[in-house]
Structures are given as structure tokens and as C-alpha cells.
Amino acid sequence: FANNIPSVRLWRSLGFQEIGRVPKAGYLIKKNEATKQANAEEEEEEFVDAIMFYYSFV
């Protein structure tokens, strides 16, 4: 997914090319600690794009 920066960098460093994206292909729920004192967690929801990579083995 597009928000996984280490993975995207790895594929690109191995010579893979981005050939497309699937918009809003994944649903991500992020849990963030709102306040440490109340021990409450705040959730953020977002859709993330999927990246399609290509590499020619020929």
C-alpha cells in the first residue's frame, strides 16, 4: 500500500516500476493515544491506495 514507505522503497530499489494504483483499495484504522492520563485511544480511519509494481524477468 502507498502508506508503507519502507516497502515501496524496497521494491523500487530492486528495479520494480510502478505501473498503476488502485485508489482507496485498503481500509486502514490507526489507533492513536489521545491522552496518556485518561488511557483513552483515538481511532482514525482512512482509505489507502494500492500500488501495482512490475518487473520484467526477460
PDB file of N, CA and C in Angstrom:
ATOM      1  N   PHE A   1       0.838  -1.186   0.000  1.00  0.00           N
ATOM      2  CA  PHE A   1       0.000   0.000   0.000  1.00  0.00           C
ATOM      3  C   PHE A   1       0.883   1.251   0.000  1.00  0.00           C
ATOM      4  N   ALA A   2       0.324   2.329  -0.467  1.00  0.00           N
ATOM      5  CA  ALA A   2       1.092   3.562  -0.661  1.00  0.00           C
ATOM      6  C   ALA A   2       1.631   4.136   0.649  1.00  0.00           C
ATOM      7  N   ASN A   3       0.996   3.844   1.750  1.00  0.00           N
ATOM      8  CA  ASN A   3       1.454   4.389   3.027  1.00  0.00           C
ATOM      9  C   ASN A   3       2.585   3.566   3.649  1.00  0.00           C
ATOM     10  N   ASN A   4       2.942   2.442   3.045  1.00  0.00           N
ATOM     11  CA  ASN A   4       4.034   1.601   3.541  1.00  0.00           C
ATOM     12  C   ASN A   4       5.326   2.017   2.835  1.00  0.00           C
ATOM     13  N   ILE A   5       5.897   3.111   3.292  1.00  0.00           N
ATOM     14  CA  ILE A   5       7.055   3.727   2.647  1.00  0.00           C
ATOM     15  C   ILE A   5       8.258   2.774   2.564  1.00  0.00           C
ATOM     16  N   PRO A   6       8.619   2.047   3.625  1.00  0.00           N
ATOM     17  CA  PRO A   6       9.762   1.127   3.504  1.00  0.00           C
ATOM     18  C   PRO A   6       9.562   0.072   2.414  1.00  0.00           C
ATOM     19  N   SER A   7       8.364  -0.453   2.294  1.00  0.00           N
ATOM     20  CA  SER A   7       8.084  -1.448   1.261  1.00  0.00           C
ATOM     21  C   SER A   7       8.195  -0.848  -0.136  1.00  0.00           C
ATOM     22  N   VAL A   8       7.641   0.332  -0.331  1.00  0.00           N
ATOM     23  CA  VAL A   8       7.702   0.999  -1.636  1.00  0.00           C
ATOM     24  C   VAL A   8       9.155   1.273  -2.020  1.00  0.00           C
ATOM     25  N   ARG A   9       9.951   1.737  -1.079  1.00  0.00           N
ATOM     26  CA  ARG A   9      11.375   1.995  -1.353  1.00  0.00           C
ATOM     27  C   ARG A   9      12.120   0.709  -1.705  1.00  0.00           C
ATOM     28  N   LEU A  10      11.793  -0.379  -1.024  1.00  0.00           N
ATOM     29  CA  LEU A  10      12.442  -1.654  -1.295  1.00  0.00           C
ATOM     30  C   LEU A  10      12.166  -2.116  -2.722  1.00  0.00           C
ATOM     31  N   TRP A  11      10.893  -2.134  -3.124  1.00  0.00           N
ATOM     32  CA  TRP A  11      10.544  -2.585  -4.475  1.00  0.00           C
ATOM     33  C   TRP A  11      11.206  -1.716  -5.530  1.00  0.00           C
ATOM     34  N   ARG A  12      11.220  -0.416  -5.315  1.00  0.00           N
ATOM     35  CA  ARG A  12      11.857   0.485  -6.285  1.00  0.00           C
ATOM     36  C   ARG A  12      13.366   0.257  -6.343  1.00  0.00           C
ATOM     37  N   SER A  13      13.988   0.023  -5.198  1.00  0.00           N
ATOM     38  CA  SER A  13      15.438  -0.208  -5.180  1.00  0.00           C
ATOM     39  C   SER A  13      15.808  -1.515  -5.874  1.00  0.00           C
ATOM     40  N   LEU A  14      14.879  -2.454  -5.955  1.00  0.00           N
ATOM     41  CA  LEU A  14      15.119  -3.726  -6.636  1.00  0.00           C
ATOM     42  C   LEU A  14      14.817  -3.647  -8.132  1.00  0.00           C
ATOM     43  N   GLY A  15      14.447  -2.467  -8.605  1.00  0.00           N
ATOM     44  CA  GLY A  15      14.226  -2.271 -10.028  1.00  0.00           C
ATOM     45  C   GLY A  15      12.789  -2.400 -10.485  1.00  0.00           C
ATOM     46  N   PHE A  16      11.870  -2.566  -9.558  1.00  0.00           N
ATOM     47  CA  PHE A  16      10.459  -2.656  -9.927  1.00  0.00           C
ATOM     48  C   PHE A  16       9.948  -1.266 -10.299  1.00  0.00           C
ATOM     49  N   GLN A  17       9.030  -1.221 -11.248  1.00  0.00           N
ATOM     50  CA  GLN A  17       8.449   0.036 -11.694  1.00  0.00           C
ATOM     51  C   GLN A  17       6.981   0.091 -11.294  1.00  0.00           C
ATOM     52  N   GLU A  18       6.554   1.260 -10.880  1.00  0.00           N
ATOM     53  CA  GLU A  18       5.138   1.447 -10.563  1.00  0.00           C
ATOM     54  C   GLU A  18       4.376   1.590 -11.875  1.00  0.00           C
ATOM     55  N   ILE A  19       3.392   0.711 -12.077  1.00  0.00           N
ATOM     56  CA  ILE A  19       2.616   0.765 -13.319  1.00  0.00           C
ATOM     57  C   ILE A  19       1.184   1.225 -13.091  1.00  0.00           C
ATOM     58  N   GLY A  20       0.804   1.378 -11.846  1.00  0.00           N
ATOM     59  CA  GLY A  20      -0.549   1.852 -11.591  1.00  0.00           C
ATOM     60  C   GLY A  20      -0.880   1.863 -10.118  1.00  0.00           C
ATOM     61  N   ARG A  21      -2.025   2.422  -9.839  1.00  0.00           N
ATOM     62  CA  ARG A  21      -2.539   2.473  -8.470  1.00  0.00           C
ATOM     63  C   ARG A  21      -4.016   2.123  -8.471  1.00  0.00           C
ATOM     64  N   VAL A  22      -4.431   1.485  -7.411  1.00  0.00           N
ATOM     65  CA  VAL A  22      -5.847   1.217  -7.199  1.00  0.00           C
ATOM     66  C   VAL A  22      -6.282   2.164  -6.088  1.00  0.00           C
ATOM     67  N   PRO A  23      -7.048   3.197  -6.431  1.00  0.00           N
ATOM     68  CA  PRO A  23      -7.432   4.188  -5.428  1.00  0.00           C
ATOM     69  C   PRO A  23      -8.307   3.584  -4.331  1.00  0.00           C
ATOM     70  N   LYS A  24      -7.970   3.955  -3.112  1.00  0.00           N
ATOM     71  CA  LYS A  24      -8.754   3.564  -1.939  1.00  0.00           C
ATOM     72  C   LYS A  24      -9.007   2.058  -1.882  1.00  0.00           C
ATOM     73  N   ALA A  25      -7.971   1.273  -2.133  1.00  0.00           N
ATOM     74  CA  ALA A  25      -8.105  -0.183  -2.165  1.00  0.00           C
ATOM     75  C   ALA A  25      -8.089  -0.811  -0.772  1.00  0.00           C
ATOM     76  N   GLY A  26      -7.500  -0.128   0.179  1.00  0.00           N
ATOM     77  CA  GLY A  26      -7.402  -0.674   1.528  1.00  0.00           C
ATOM     78  C   GLY A  26      -8.010   0.261   2.552  1.00  0.00           C
ATOM     79  N   TYR A  27      -8.556  -0.332   3.604  1.00  0.00           N
ATOM     80  CA  TYR A  27      -9.167   0.431   4.688  1.00  0.00           C
ATOM     81  C   TYR A  27      -8.254   0.317   5.894  1.00  0.00           C
ATOM     82  N   LEU A  28      -7.764   1.438   6.375  1.00  0.00           N
ATOM     83  CA  LEU A  28      -6.795   1.459   7.460  1.00  0.00           C
ATOM     84  C   LEU A  28      -7.400   2.110   8.694  1.00  0.00           C
ATOM     85  N   ILE A  29      -7.248   1.438   9.819  1.00  0.00           N
ATOM     86  CA  ILE A  29      -7.667   2.007  11.103  1.00  0.00           C
ATOM     87  C   ILE A  29      -6.409   2.231  11.923  1.00  0.00           C
ATOM     88  N   LYS A  30      -6.142   3.495  12.247  1.00  0.00           N
ATOM     89  CA  LYS A  30      -4.975   3.853  13.057  1.00  0.00           C
ATOM     90  C   LYS A  30      -5.451   4.140  14.472  1.00  0.00           C
ATOM     91  N   LYS A  31      -4.768   3.551  15.427  1.00  0.00           N
ATOM     92  CA  LYS A  31      -5.094   3.822  16.823  1.00  0.00           C
ATOM     93  C   LYS A  31      -4.033   4.744  17.390  1.00  0.00           C
ATOM     94  N   ASN A  32      -4.455   5.919  17.804  1.00  0.00           N
ATOM     95  CA  ASN A  32      -3.558   6.897  18.410  1.00  0.00           C
ATOM     96  C   ASN A  32      -4.005   7.158  19.838  1.00  0.00           C
ATOM     97  N   GLU A  33      -3.041   7.303  20.718  1.00  0.00           N
ATOM     98  CA  GLU A  33      -3.363   7.591  22.107  1.00  0.00           C
ATOM     99  C   GLU A  33      -3.718   9.066  22.222  1.00  0.00           C
ATOM    100  N   ALA A  34      -4.964   9.351  22.565  1.00  0.00           N
ATOM    101  CA  ALA A  34      -5.433  10.736  22.642  1.00  0.00           C
ATOM    102  C   ALA A  34      -4.812  11.447  23.838  1.00  0.00           C
ATOM    103  N   THR A  35      -4.960  10.857  24.999  1.00  0.00           N
ATOM    104  CA  THR A  35      -4.349  11.435  26.201  1.00  0.00           C
ATOM    105  C   THR A  35      -3.766  10.306  27.036  1.00  0.00           C
ATOM    106  N   LYS A  36      -2.563  10.483  27.501  1.00  0.00           N
ATOM    107  CA  LYS A  36      -1.922   9.443  28.301  1.00  0.00           C
ATOM    108  C   LYS A  36      -2.562   9.329  29.680  1.00  0.00           C
ATOM    109  N   GLN A  37      -3.089  10.433  30.172  1.00  0.00           N
ATOM    110  CA  GLN A  37      -3.656  10.424  31.515  1.00  0.00           C
ATOM    111  C   GLN A  37      -4.955   9.631  31.565  1.00  0.00           C
ATOM    112  N   ALA A  38      -5.775   9.741  30.547  1.00  0.00           N
ATOM    113  CA  ALA A  38      -7.077   9.074  30.555  1.00  0.00           C
ATOM    114  C   ALA A  38      -7.000   7.657  30.002  1.00  0.00           C
ATOM    115  N   ASN A  39      -5.838   7.266  29.454  1.00  0.00           N
ATOM    116  CA  ASN A  39      -5.671   5.961  28.817  1.00  0.00           C
ATOM    117  C   ASN A  39      -6.714   5.700  27.735  1.00  0.00           C
ATOM    118  N   ALA A  40      -7.148   6.744  27.097  1.00  0.00           N
ATOM    119  CA  ALA A  40      -8.128   6.619  26.021  1.00  0.00           C
ATOM    120  C   ALA A  40      -7.392   6.566  24.691  1.00  0.00           C
ATOM    121  N   GLU A  41      -7.932   5.792  23.780  1.00  0.00           N
ATOM    122  CA  GLU A  41      -7.342   5.709  22.450  1.00  0.00           C
ATOM    123  C   GLU A  41      -8.296   6.322  21.437  1.00  0.00           C
ATOM    124  N   GLU A  42      -7.720   7.055  20.522  1.00  0.00           N
ATOM    125  CA  GLU A  42      -8.498   7.670  19.465  1.00  0.00           C
ATOM    126  C   GLU A  42      -8.201   6.920  18.171  1.00  0.00           C
ATOM    127  N   GLU A  43      -9.234   6.601  17.409  1.00  0.00           N
ATOM    128  CA  GLU A  43      -9.051   5.878  16.158  1.00  0.00           C
ATOM    129  C   GLU A  43      -9.258   6.803  14.974  1.00  0.00           C
ATOM    130  N   GLU A  44      -8.361   6.690  14.008  1.00  0.00           N
ATOM    131  CA  GLU A  44      -8.508   7.409  12.751  1.00  0.00           C
ATOM    132  C   GLU A  44      -8.711   6.372  11.661  1.00  0.00           C
ATOM    133  N   GLU A  45      -9.634   6.641  10.762  1.00  0.00           N
ATOM    134  CA  GLU A  45      -9.912   5.720   9.673  1.00  0.00           C
ATOM    135  C   GLU A  45      -9.614   6.406   8.351  1.00  0.00           C
ATOM    136  N   GLU A  46      -9.015   5.666   7.430  1.00  0.00           N
ATOM    137  CA  GLU A  46      -8.743   6.226   6.119  1.00  0.00           C
ATOM    138  C   GLU A  46      -8.621   5.104   5.092  1.00  0.00           C
ATOM    139  N   PHE A  47      -8.840   5.454   3.855  1.00  0.00           N
ATOM    140  CA  PHE A  47      -8.614   4.541   2.747  1.00  0.00           C
ATOM    141  C   PHE A  47      -7.237   4.841   2.170  1.00  0.00           C
ATOM    142  N   VAL A  48      -6.518   3.790   1.778  1.00  0.00           N
ATOM    143  CA  VAL A  48      -5.187   3.968   1.203  1.00  0.00           C
ATOM    144  C   VAL A  48      -5.130   3.319  -0.176  1.00  0.00           C
ATOM    145  N   ASP A  49      -4.280   3.880  -1.032  1.00  0.00           N
ATOM    146  CA  ASP A  49      -4.119   3.359  -2.385  1.00  0.00           C
ATOM    147  C   ASP A  49      -3.212   2.130  -2.385  1.00  0.00           C
ATOM    148  N   ALA A  50      -3.507   1.201  -3.289  1.00  0.00           N
ATOM    149  CA  ALA A  50      -2.622   0.063  -3.528  1.00  0.00           C
ATOM    150  C   ALA A  50      -1.763   0.393  -4.743  1.00  0.00           C
ATOM    151  N   ILE A  51      -0.484   0.061  -4.654  1.00  0.00           N
ATOM    152  CA  ILE A  51       0.433   0.315  -5.765  1.00  0.00           C
ATOM    153  C   ILE A  51       0.688  -1.005  -6.488  1.00  0.00           C
ATOM    154  N   MET A  52       0.612  -0.964  -7.815  1.00  0.00           N
ATOM    155  CA  MET A  52       0.937  -2.135  -8.629  1.00  0.00           C
ATOM    156  C   MET A  52       2.353  -1.946  -9.169  1.00  0.00           C
ATOM    157  N   PHE A  53       3.212  -2.932  -8.906  1.00  0.00           N
ATOM    158  CA  PHE A  53       4.587  -2.885  -9.376  1.00  0.00           C
ATOM    159  C   PHE A  53       4.801  -3.923 -10.469  1.00  0.00           C
ATOM    160  N   TYR A  54       5.787  -3.655 -11.321  1.00  0.00           N
ATOM    161  CA  TYR A  54       6.106  -4.529 -12.450  1.00  0.00           C
ATOM    162  C   TYR A  54       7.615  -4.687 -12.549  1.00  0.00           C
ATOM    163  N   TYR A  55       8.031  -5.896 -12.911  1.00  0.00           N
ATOM    164  CA  TYR A  55       9.441  -6.158 -13.185  1.00  0.00           C
ATOM    165  C   TYR A  55       9.521  -7.172 -14.320  1.00  0.00           C
ATOM    166  N   SER A  56      10.319  -6.890 -15.320  1.00  0.00           N
ATOM    167  CA  SER A  56      10.472  -7.805 -16.450  1.00  0.00           C
ATOM    168  C   SER A  56      11.582  -8.804 -16.147  1.00  0.00           C
ATOM    169  N   PHE A  57      11.267 -10.079 -16.211  1.00  0.00           N
ATOM    170  CA  PHE A  57      12.256 -11.129 -15.976  1.00  0.00           C
ATOM    171  C   PHE A  57      12.879 -11.624 -17.281  1.00  0.00           C
ATOM    172  N   VAL A  58      12.505 -10.984 -18.377  1.00  0.00           N
ATOM    173  CA  VAL A  58      13.017 -11.396 -19.695  1.00  0.00           C
ATOM    174  C   VAL A  58      14.270 -10.619 -20.027  1.00  0.00           C
TER     175      VAL A  58
END
